[in-house]
């Protein structure tokens, strides 16, 4: 299941009360030709998410020229997820000046969005 099917599930795939997904979306300027730095960050974030049982690294995407990118993370509590990875984000120079969007709340009322500057 990818980010979009979790975020916009089909009606019969609606999660139950115990399966609420919340999201952290990171937006950043990248600018490197190589994908090494983003893949290193992915590995570090996946390790933290697994160790602390906070959620999953869903995917990342970069513009065709690698100038800008997004990372999509999903878990049961977006606030806890963000706070659990915050030290890794601060230790990553290309994320400086970017932002994080925390999408919280029930799946039918995705009006709760928290914006954080990195």
N, C-alpha and C. Protein backbone atom coordinates (compact mmCIF):
# COMPACT_ATOMS: atom_id res chain seq x y z
N UNK A 1 0.86 -1.17 0.00
CA UNK A 1 0.00 0.00 0.00
C UNK A 1 0.91 1.23 0.00
N UNK A 2 0.70 2.13 -0.95
CA UNK A 2 1.54 3.32 -1.00
C UNK A 2 0.85 4.50 -0.32
N UNK A 3 1.54 5.63 -0.31
CA UNK A 3 1.06 6.83 0.38
C UNK A 3 -0.35 7.21 -0.04
N UNK A 4 -0.61 7.23 -1.34
CA UNK A 4 -1.90 7.72 -1.81
C UNK A 4 -3.04 6.77 -1.47
N UNK A 5 -2.81 5.48 -1.48
CA UNK A 5 -3.89 4.57 -1.11
C UNK A 5 -4.14 4.59 0.39
N UNK A 6 -3.11 4.94 1.18
CA UNK A 6 -3.33 5.10 2.63
C UNK A 6 -4.07 6.40 2.91
N UNK A 7 -3.70 7.44 2.17
CA UNK A 7 -4.27 8.77 2.41
C UNK A 7 -5.68 8.87 1.84
N UNK A 8 -5.91 8.22 0.71
CA UNK A 8 -7.21 8.23 0.05
C UNK A 8 -7.68 6.80 -0.19
N UNK A 9 -7.95 6.06 0.89
CA UNK A 9 -8.35 4.66 0.70
C UNK A 9 -9.71 4.54 0.04
N UNK A 10 -9.91 3.44 -0.68
CA UNK A 10 -11.23 3.15 -1.23
C UNK A 10 -12.17 2.90 -0.07
N UNK A 11 -13.43 3.10 -0.30
CA UNK A 11 -14.41 3.00 0.78
C UNK A 11 -14.31 1.67 1.54
N UNK A 12 -14.18 0.56 0.84
CA UNK A 12 -14.11 -0.73 1.53
C UNK A 12 -12.78 -0.92 2.25
N UNK A 13 -11.77 -0.07 1.98
CA UNK A 13 -10.48 -0.18 2.64
C UNK A 13 -10.33 0.80 3.80
N UNK A 14 -11.41 1.45 4.21
CA UNK A 14 -11.33 2.40 5.31
C UNK A 14 -10.79 1.68 6.54
N UNK A 15 -9.79 2.27 7.20
CA UNK A 15 -9.25 1.61 8.39
C UNK A 15 -10.25 1.63 9.53
N UNK A 16 -10.13 0.63 10.41
CA UNK A 16 -10.96 0.59 11.60
C UNK A 16 -10.47 1.59 12.62
N UNK A 17 -11.13 1.67 13.75
CA UNK A 17 -10.77 2.61 14.80
C UNK A 17 -9.32 2.45 15.24
N UNK A 18 -8.82 1.21 15.25
CA UNK A 18 -7.47 0.97 15.72
C UNK A 18 -6.42 1.12 14.61
N UNK A 19 -6.83 1.49 13.40
CA UNK A 19 -5.90 1.61 12.28
C UNK A 19 -5.95 3.01 11.67
N UNK A 20 -5.82 4.04 12.47
CA UNK A 20 -5.83 5.40 11.97
C UNK A 20 -4.42 5.77 11.52
N UNK A 21 -4.29 6.23 10.29
CA UNK A 21 -3.01 6.65 9.77
C UNK A 21 -2.89 8.16 9.79
N UNK A 22 -1.76 8.64 10.26
CA UNK A 22 -1.45 10.06 10.21
C UNK A 22 -0.14 10.19 9.45
N UNK A 23 0.15 11.41 8.99
CA UNK A 23 1.26 11.58 8.06
C UNK A 23 2.18 12.72 8.45
N UNK A 24 3.45 12.55 8.10
CA UNK A 24 4.42 13.63 8.15
C UNK A 24 4.97 13.74 6.73
N UNK A 25 4.86 14.93 6.16
CA UNK A 25 5.38 15.19 4.82
C UNK A 25 6.49 16.23 4.96
N UNK A 26 7.67 15.86 4.53
CA UNK A 26 8.82 16.76 4.58
C UNK A 26 9.04 17.35 3.19
N UNK A 27 9.22 18.66 3.11
CA UNK A 27 9.52 19.35 1.85
C UNK A 27 10.89 19.99 2.02
N UNK A 28 11.73 19.86 1.00
CA UNK A 28 13.10 20.37 1.13
C UNK A 28 13.70 20.69 -0.23
N UNK A 29 14.75 21.48 -0.21
CA UNK A 29 15.56 21.74 -1.40
C UNK A 29 16.70 20.74 -1.38
N UNK A 30 16.91 20.06 -2.49
CA UNK A 30 17.92 19.01 -2.54
C UNK A 30 19.14 19.48 -3.32
N UNK A 31 19.05 19.52 -4.63
CA UNK A 31 20.10 20.11 -5.45
C UNK A 31 21.33 19.25 -5.73
N UNK A 32 21.37 18.00 -5.29
CA UNK A 32 22.50 17.13 -5.56
C UNK A 32 22.18 16.24 -6.77
N UNK A 33 23.16 15.97 -7.59
CA UNK A 33 22.93 15.07 -8.73
C UNK A 33 22.79 13.63 -8.27
N UNK A 34 23.57 13.26 -7.27
CA UNK A 34 23.55 11.90 -6.74
C UNK A 34 22.40 11.74 -5.74
N UNK A 35 21.88 10.55 -5.65
CA UNK A 35 20.82 10.25 -4.68
C UNK A 35 21.38 9.72 -3.37
N UNK A 36 22.70 9.71 -3.24
CA UNK A 36 23.34 9.14 -2.04
C UNK A 36 22.84 9.78 -0.75
N UNK A 37 22.75 11.10 -0.70
CA UNK A 37 22.37 11.78 0.54
C UNK A 37 20.92 11.47 0.94
N UNK A 38 20.03 11.42 -0.01
CA UNK A 38 18.64 11.11 0.34
C UNK A 38 18.51 9.64 0.72
N UNK A 39 19.27 8.77 0.09
CA UNK A 39 19.22 7.35 0.46
C UNK A 39 19.83 7.10 1.84
N UNK A 40 20.86 7.87 2.20
CA UNK A 40 21.42 7.78 3.55
C UNK A 40 20.40 8.22 4.59
N UNK A 41 19.72 9.34 4.30
CA UNK A 41 18.68 9.82 5.22
C UNK A 41 17.56 8.79 5.33
N UNK A 42 17.17 8.21 4.22
CA UNK A 42 16.11 7.19 4.24
C UNK A 42 16.50 6.05 5.18
N UNK A 43 17.72 5.57 5.08
CA UNK A 43 18.18 4.47 5.94
C UNK A 43 18.15 4.85 7.41
N UNK A 44 18.59 6.08 7.72
CA UNK A 44 18.59 6.53 9.12
C UNK A 44 17.16 6.66 9.65
N UNK A 45 16.27 7.24 8.84
CA UNK A 45 14.88 7.41 9.28
C UNK A 45 14.20 6.06 9.45
N UNK A 46 14.41 5.15 8.52
CA UNK A 46 13.80 3.82 8.65
C UNK A 46 14.25 3.12 9.93
N UNK A 47 15.52 3.28 10.27
CA UNK A 47 16.03 2.65 11.50
C UNK A 47 15.37 3.24 12.74
N UNK A 48 15.24 4.56 12.80
CA UNK A 48 14.60 5.21 13.95
C UNK A 48 13.13 4.81 14.03
N UNK A 49 12.44 4.85 12.90
CA UNK A 49 11.02 4.50 12.89
C UNK A 49 10.80 3.07 13.37
N UNK A 50 11.66 2.17 12.93
CA UNK A 50 11.53 0.76 13.33
C UNK A 50 11.88 0.59 14.80
N UNK A 51 13.01 1.18 15.24
CA UNK A 51 13.46 1.03 16.63
C UNK A 51 12.44 1.56 17.62
N UNK A 52 11.80 2.68 17.27
CA UNK A 52 10.84 3.31 18.18
C UNK A 52 9.39 2.94 17.86
N UNK A 53 9.19 2.09 16.86
CA UNK A 53 7.86 1.67 16.45
C UNK A 53 6.93 2.86 16.21
N UNK A 54 7.41 3.82 15.41
CA UNK A 54 6.67 5.06 15.17
C UNK A 54 5.87 5.06 13.88
N UNK A 55 6.23 4.20 12.95
CA UNK A 55 5.55 4.20 11.66
C UNK A 55 6.47 3.74 10.57
N UNK A 56 6.20 4.20 9.34
CA UNK A 56 6.94 3.75 8.17
C UNK A 56 7.38 4.91 7.29
N UNK A 57 8.51 4.72 6.65
CA UNK A 57 8.98 5.61 5.58
C UNK A 57 8.25 5.12 4.34
N UNK A 58 7.32 5.90 3.84
CA UNK A 58 6.52 5.44 2.72
C UNK A 58 7.27 5.59 1.41
N UNK A 59 7.70 6.81 1.10
CA UNK A 59 8.43 7.05 -0.13
C UNK A 59 9.00 8.46 -0.14
N UNK A 60 9.85 8.72 -1.13
CA UNK A 60 10.30 10.08 -1.37
C UNK A 60 10.20 10.33 -2.87
N UNK A 61 10.12 11.60 -3.20
CA UNK A 61 10.11 11.97 -4.61
C UNK A 61 10.88 13.26 -4.79
N UNK A 62 11.55 13.35 -5.93
CA UNK A 62 12.34 14.53 -6.27
C UNK A 62 11.87 15.06 -7.62
N UNK A 63 11.96 16.37 -7.79
CA UNK A 63 11.69 16.93 -9.11
C UNK A 63 12.70 16.36 -10.09
N UNK A 64 12.39 16.43 -11.37
CA UNK A 64 13.26 15.83 -12.39
C UNK A 64 14.69 16.36 -12.36
N UNK A 65 14.90 17.58 -11.88
CA UNK A 65 16.26 18.14 -11.79
C UNK A 65 16.86 18.01 -10.38
N UNK A 66 16.20 17.28 -9.51
CA UNK A 66 16.63 17.05 -8.12
C UNK A 66 16.70 18.33 -7.28
N UNK A 67 16.06 19.39 -7.71
CA UNK A 67 16.16 20.65 -6.96
C UNK A 67 15.30 20.66 -5.71
N UNK A 68 14.20 19.97 -5.73
CA UNK A 68 13.25 19.99 -4.62
C UNK A 68 12.73 18.58 -4.42
N UNK A 69 12.41 18.26 -3.15
CA UNK A 69 11.92 16.93 -2.88
C UNK A 69 10.94 16.87 -1.73
N UNK A 70 10.34 15.69 -1.61
CA UNK A 70 9.37 15.41 -0.56
C UNK A 70 9.65 14.02 0.00
N UNK A 71 9.43 13.87 1.29
CA UNK A 71 9.51 12.57 1.95
C UNK A 71 8.17 12.36 2.64
N UNK A 72 7.59 11.17 2.47
CA UNK A 72 6.29 10.84 3.04
C UNK A 72 6.48 9.76 4.10
N UNK A 73 6.04 10.07 5.31
CA UNK A 73 6.11 9.15 6.43
C UNK A 73 4.70 8.93 6.96
N UNK A 74 4.42 7.73 7.43
CA UNK A 74 3.08 7.42 7.91
C UNK A 74 3.17 6.65 9.22
N UNK A 75 2.24 6.92 10.12
CA UNK A 75 2.20 6.23 11.39
C UNK A 75 0.93 6.53 12.14
N UNK A 76 0.74 5.92 13.29
CA UNK A 76 -0.49 6.13 14.05
C UNK A 76 -0.57 7.50 14.73
N UNK A 77 0.57 8.18 14.93
CA UNK A 77 0.57 9.47 15.61
C UNK A 77 1.65 10.36 14.97
N UNK A 78 1.22 11.31 14.15
CA UNK A 78 2.15 12.17 13.41
C UNK A 78 3.04 12.99 14.34
N UNK A 79 2.50 13.44 15.45
CA UNK A 79 3.30 14.26 16.38
C UNK A 79 4.44 13.43 16.98
N UNK A 80 4.13 12.23 17.45
CA UNK A 80 5.16 11.35 18.02
C UNK A 80 6.19 10.96 16.95
N UNK A 81 5.70 10.69 15.75
CA UNK A 81 6.59 10.33 14.66
C UNK A 81 7.58 11.46 14.40
N UNK A 82 7.08 12.69 14.28
CA UNK A 82 7.96 13.83 14.02
C UNK A 82 8.97 14.02 15.14
N UNK A 83 8.50 13.99 16.37
CA UNK A 83 9.42 14.20 17.49
C UNK A 83 10.45 13.07 17.58
N UNK A 84 10.08 11.87 17.18
CA UNK A 84 11.02 10.75 17.19
C UNK A 84 12.13 10.88 16.16
N UNK A 85 11.85 11.55 15.04
CA UNK A 85 12.86 11.69 13.98
C UNK A 85 13.50 13.07 13.95
N UNK A 86 13.05 13.96 14.80
CA UNK A 86 13.49 15.35 14.74
C UNK A 86 15.02 15.50 14.81
N UNK A 87 15.67 14.70 15.65
CA UNK A 87 17.14 14.79 15.76
C UNK A 87 17.82 14.42 14.45
N UNK A 88 17.27 13.46 13.71
CA UNK A 88 17.83 13.09 12.40
C UNK A 88 17.61 14.21 11.39
N UNK A 89 16.47 14.86 11.47
CA UNK A 89 16.18 15.96 10.54
C UNK A 89 17.14 17.12 10.77
N UNK A 90 17.36 17.46 12.04
CA UNK A 90 18.27 18.57 12.36
C UNK A 90 19.71 18.26 11.99
N UNK A 91 20.06 16.98 11.91
CA UNK A 91 21.42 16.57 11.57
C UNK A 91 21.63 16.44 10.06
N UNK A 92 20.63 16.84 9.27
CA UNK A 92 20.69 16.69 7.81
C UNK A 92 20.70 18.07 7.17
N UNK A 93 21.87 18.53 6.70
CA UNK A 93 22.00 19.90 6.17
C UNK A 93 21.04 20.24 5.04
N UNK A 94 20.74 19.32 4.13
CA UNK A 94 19.88 19.71 3.01
C UNK A 94 18.42 19.92 3.42
N UNK A 95 18.05 19.53 4.63
CA UNK A 95 16.69 19.78 5.11
C UNK A 95 16.53 21.18 5.71
N UNK A 96 17.65 21.83 6.02
CA UNK A 96 17.59 23.16 6.63
C UNK A 96 16.86 24.12 5.70
N UNK A 97 15.90 24.84 6.25
CA UNK A 97 15.10 25.77 5.47
C UNK A 97 13.87 25.13 4.85
N UNK A 98 13.74 23.82 5.00
CA UNK A 98 12.57 23.12 4.48
C UNK A 98 11.43 23.18 5.47
N UNK A 99 10.47 22.31 5.30
CA UNK A 99 9.33 22.32 6.19
C UNK A 99 8.75 20.93 6.37
N UNK A 100 7.95 20.81 7.40
CA UNK A 100 7.24 19.56 7.68
C UNK A 100 5.77 19.87 7.86
N UNK A 101 4.93 19.04 7.27
CA UNK A 101 3.49 19.12 7.47
C UNK A 101 3.06 17.86 8.20
N UNK A 102 2.43 18.05 9.34
CA UNK A 102 1.89 16.94 10.11
C UNK A 102 0.40 16.90 9.85
N UNK A 103 -0.08 15.81 9.31
CA UNK A 103 -1.50 15.66 9.01
C UNK A 103 -2.05 14.71 10.06
N UNK A 104 -2.90 15.26 10.92
CA UNK A 104 -3.40 14.52 12.08
C UNK A 104 -4.92 14.45 12.05
N UNK A 105 -5.47 13.63 12.91
CA UNK A 105 -6.92 13.56 13.04
C UNK A 105 -7.50 12.34 12.34
N UNK A 106 -8.80 12.22 12.45
CA UNK A 106 -9.52 11.10 11.84
C UNK A 106 -9.45 11.21 10.32
N UNK A 107 -9.56 10.08 9.66
CA UNK A 107 -9.39 10.02 8.21
C UNK A 107 -10.45 10.84 7.47
N UNK A 108 -11.65 10.98 8.04
CA UNK A 108 -12.70 11.74 7.37
C UNK A 108 -12.56 13.25 7.56
N UNK A 109 -11.77 13.68 8.54
CA UNK A 109 -11.64 15.11 8.81
C UNK A 109 -10.16 15.51 8.80
N UNK A 110 -9.54 15.47 7.67
CA UNK A 110 -8.11 15.78 7.55
C UNK A 110 -7.88 17.29 7.55
N UNK A 111 -8.63 18.01 8.35
CA UNK A 111 -8.49 19.46 8.43
C UNK A 111 -7.36 19.86 9.38
N UNK A 112 -6.95 18.95 10.25
CA UNK A 112 -5.90 19.25 11.20
C UNK A 112 -4.54 19.07 10.55
N UNK A 113 -3.88 20.18 10.28
CA UNK A 113 -2.58 20.16 9.62
C UNK A 113 -1.68 21.11 10.39
N UNK A 114 -0.52 20.61 10.78
CA UNK A 114 0.43 21.41 11.55
C UNK A 114 1.65 21.63 10.67
N UNK A 115 2.02 22.89 10.49
CA UNK A 115 3.19 23.24 9.66
C UNK A 115 4.35 23.58 10.59
N UNK A 116 5.52 22.99 10.31
CA UNK A 116 6.73 23.22 11.11
C UNK A 116 7.88 23.56 10.18
N UNK A 117 8.61 24.61 10.49
CA UNK A 117 9.78 24.98 9.70
C UNK A 117 10.98 24.19 10.21
N UNK A 118 11.77 23.67 9.28
CA UNK A 118 12.95 22.89 9.66
C UNK A 118 14.19 23.78 9.69
